[in-house]
Amino acid sequence: MGYLGFNEMKTDKKTKQFYITNIASGDILGYIVFFPQWRKYVLVSDERQKVIYDTKCLLEIVEFLNKINQERQEELKKEKGEKDVKI
């Protein structure tokens, strides 16, 4: 079991958005949003929190970003009917 929770936010935007919580305290640590300039999901820190990550937390974030970026790429392939869509 990890230290972080990834919770999808309810939004009417085309791309999904998530907030990251500390499972133990429930504090919101940051947000995962789609960054169109890079065409990828990225982590945006919550400016109100002093956030400290160790290697396990960073790995959890990387694994989650890889997962949702892959899902987004597959969605685009289905929408455009293309074999290889890069995001």
C-alpha atoms as a PDB file:
ATOM      1  CA  MET A   1       0.000   0.000   0.000  1.00  0.00           C
ATOM      2  CA  GLY A   2       1.258   3.428  -0.884  1.00  0.00           C
ATOM      3  CA  TYR A   3       1.311   6.731   0.885  1.00  0.00           C
ATOM      4  CA  LEU A   4      -0.623   8.722  -1.680  1.00  0.00           C
ATOM      5  CA  GLY A   5      -4.209   8.769  -2.882  1.00  0.00           C
ATOM      6  CA  PHE A   6      -5.103   9.785  -6.440  1.00  0.00           C
ATOM      7  CA  ASN A   7      -8.680  11.020  -6.565  1.00  0.00           C
ATOM      8  CA  GLU A   8     -10.434  12.068  -9.745  1.00  0.00           C
ATOM      9  CA  MET A   9     -12.022  15.505  -9.586  1.00  0.00           C
ATOM     10  CA  LYS A  10     -15.496  16.086 -10.978  1.00  0.00           C
ATOM     11  CA  THR A  11     -15.101  18.491 -13.862  1.00  0.00           C
ATOM     12  CA  ASP A  12     -16.666  19.192 -17.209  1.00  0.00           C
ATOM     13  CA  LYS A  13     -13.272  19.524 -18.908  1.00  0.00           C
ATOM     14  CA  LYS A  14     -12.309  17.175 -21.740  1.00  0.00           C
ATOM     15  CA  THR A  15      -9.336  15.740 -19.849  1.00  0.00           C
ATOM     16  CA  LYS A  16      -9.435  14.198 -16.400  1.00  0.00           C
ATOM     17  CA  GLN A  17      -8.065  15.985 -13.351  1.00  0.00           C
ATOM     18  CA  PHE A  18      -6.964  14.431 -10.060  1.00  0.00           C
ATOM     19  CA  TYR A  19      -5.918  15.616  -6.655  1.00  0.00           C
ATOM     20  CA  ILE A  20      -3.195  13.860  -4.681  1.00  0.00           C
ATOM     21  CA  THR A  21      -3.744  13.298  -0.982  1.00  0.00           C
ATOM     22  CA  ASN A  22      -1.623  12.066   1.866  1.00  0.00           C
ATOM     23  CA  ILE A  23      -3.492   8.893   2.821  1.00  0.00           C
ATOM     24  CA  ALA A  24      -2.607   9.237   6.499  1.00  0.00           C
ATOM     25  CA  SER A  25      -3.681  12.858   6.981  1.00  0.00           C
ATOM     26  CA  GLY A  26      -6.040  13.443   4.051  1.00  0.00           C
ATOM     27  CA  ASP A  27      -4.159  16.657   3.149  1.00  0.00           C
ATOM     28  CA  ILE A  28      -4.185  17.657  -0.507  1.00  0.00           C
ATOM     29  CA  LEU A  29      -0.581  17.740  -1.718  1.00  0.00           C
ATOM     30  CA  GLY A  30      -1.075  18.720  -5.331  1.00  0.00           C
ATOM     31  CA  TYR A  31      -2.960  18.159  -8.535  1.00  0.00           C
ATOM     32  CA  ILE A  32      -2.525  16.139 -11.694  1.00  0.00           C
ATOM     33  CA  VAL A  33      -3.761  18.028 -14.737  1.00  0.00           C
ATOM     34  CA  PHE A  34      -3.313  17.801 -18.490  1.00  0.00           C
ATOM     35  CA  PHE A  35      -0.703  20.324 -19.656  1.00  0.00           C
ATOM     36  CA  PRO A  36      -1.524  21.010 -23.325  1.00  0.00           C
ATOM     37  CA  GLN A  37       1.832  22.584 -24.179  1.00  0.00           C
ATOM     38  CA  TRP A  38       3.569  19.264 -23.388  1.00  0.00           C
ATOM     39  CA  ARG A  39       0.525  17.146 -24.309  1.00  0.00           C
ATOM     40  CA  LYS A  40       0.939  15.177 -21.061  1.00  0.00           C
ATOM     41  CA  TYR A  41      -0.449  14.963 -17.571  1.00  0.00           C
ATOM     42  CA  VAL A  42       1.760  16.720 -15.028  1.00  0.00           C
ATOM     43  CA  LEU A  43       1.981  17.270 -11.275  1.00  0.00           C
ATOM     44  CA  VAL A  44       1.173  20.754  -9.985  1.00  0.00           C
ATOM     45  CA  SER A  45       2.048  21.343  -6.331  1.00  0.00           C
ATOM     46  CA  ASP A  46      -0.459  22.902  -3.964  1.00  0.00           C
ATOM     47  CA  GLU A  47       1.066  26.263  -3.104  1.00  0.00           C
ATOM     48  CA  ARG A  48      -0.547  26.244   0.343  1.00  0.00           C
ATOM     49  CA  GLN A  49       1.341  23.131   1.458  1.00  0.00           C
ATOM     50  CA  LYS A  50       4.989  22.579   2.203  1.00  0.00           C
ATOM     51  CA  VAL A  51       5.327  19.260   0.435  1.00  0.00           C
ATOM     52  CA  ILE A  52       8.170  16.813   0.951  1.00  0.00           C
ATOM     53  CA  TYR A  53       8.435  13.670  -1.179  1.00  0.00           C
ATOM     54  CA  ASP A  54      10.668  10.676  -0.661  1.00  0.00           C
ATOM     55  CA  THR A  55      11.633   8.240  -3.412  1.00  0.00           C
ATOM     56  CA  LYS A  56       8.624   5.979  -2.765  1.00  0.00           C
ATOM     57  CA  CYS A  57       6.210   8.892  -3.101  1.00  0.00           C
ATOM     58  CA  LEU A  58       7.905  10.099  -6.267  1.00  0.00           C
ATOM     59  CA  LEU A  59       7.741   6.600  -7.749  1.00  0.00           C
ATOM     60  CA  GLU A  60       4.014   6.431  -6.979  1.00  0.00           C
ATOM     61  CA  ILE A  61       3.530   9.737  -8.785  1.00  0.00           C
ATOM     62  CA  VAL A  62       5.576   8.601 -11.786  1.00  0.00           C
ATOM     63  CA  GLU A  63       3.668   5.319 -12.014  1.00  0.00           C
ATOM     64  CA  PHE A  64       0.331   7.139 -11.868  1.00  0.00           C
ATOM     65  CA  LEU A  65       1.405   9.706 -14.488  1.00  0.00           C
ATOM     66  CA  ASN A  66       2.601   6.920 -16.800  1.00  0.00           C
ATOM     67  CA  LYS A  67      -0.713   5.122 -16.392  1.00  0.00           C
ATOM     68  CA  ILE A  68      -2.954   8.101 -17.161  1.00  0.00           C
ATOM     69  CA  ASN A  69      -0.740   9.349 -19.999  1.00  0.00           C
ATOM     70  CA  GLN A  70      -1.008   5.892 -21.595  1.00  0.00           C
ATOM     71  CA  GLU A  71      -4.801   5.923 -21.097  1.00  0.00           C
ATOM     72  CA  ARG A  72      -4.998   9.357 -22.734  1.00  0.00           C
ATOM     73  CA  GLN A  73      -2.938   8.158 -25.694  1.00  0.00           C
ATOM     74  CA  GLU A  74      -5.283   5.184 -26.149  1.00  0.00           C
ATOM     75  CA  GLU A  75      -8.337   7.487 -25.980  1.00  0.00           C
ATOM     76  CA  LEU A  76      -6.868   9.695 -28.699  1.00  0.00           C
ATOM     77  CA  LYS A  77      -6.180   6.668 -30.885  1.00  0.00           C
ATOM     78  CA  LYS A  78      -9.826   5.602 -30.583  1.00  0.00           C
ATOM     79  CA  GLU A  79     -11.112   9.125 -31.266  1.00  0.00           C
ATOM     80  CA  LYS A  80      -8.943   9.643 -34.326  1.00  0.00           C
ATOM     81  CA  GLY A  81      -8.891   6.051 -35.520  1.00  0.00           C
ATOM     82  CA  GLU A  82      -5.110   6.195 -35.844  1.00  0.00           C
ATOM     83  CA  LYS A  83      -2.597   3.520 -35.029  1.00  0.00           C
ATOM     84  CA  ASP A  84       0.055   5.668 -33.351  1.00  0.00           C
ATOM     85  CA  VAL A  85      -0.837   8.970 -31.682  1.00  0.00           C
ATOM     86  CA  LYS A  86       1.890  10.686 -29.660  1.00  0.00           C
ATOM     87  CA  ILE A  87       1.009  12.873 -26.683  1.00  0.00           C
END
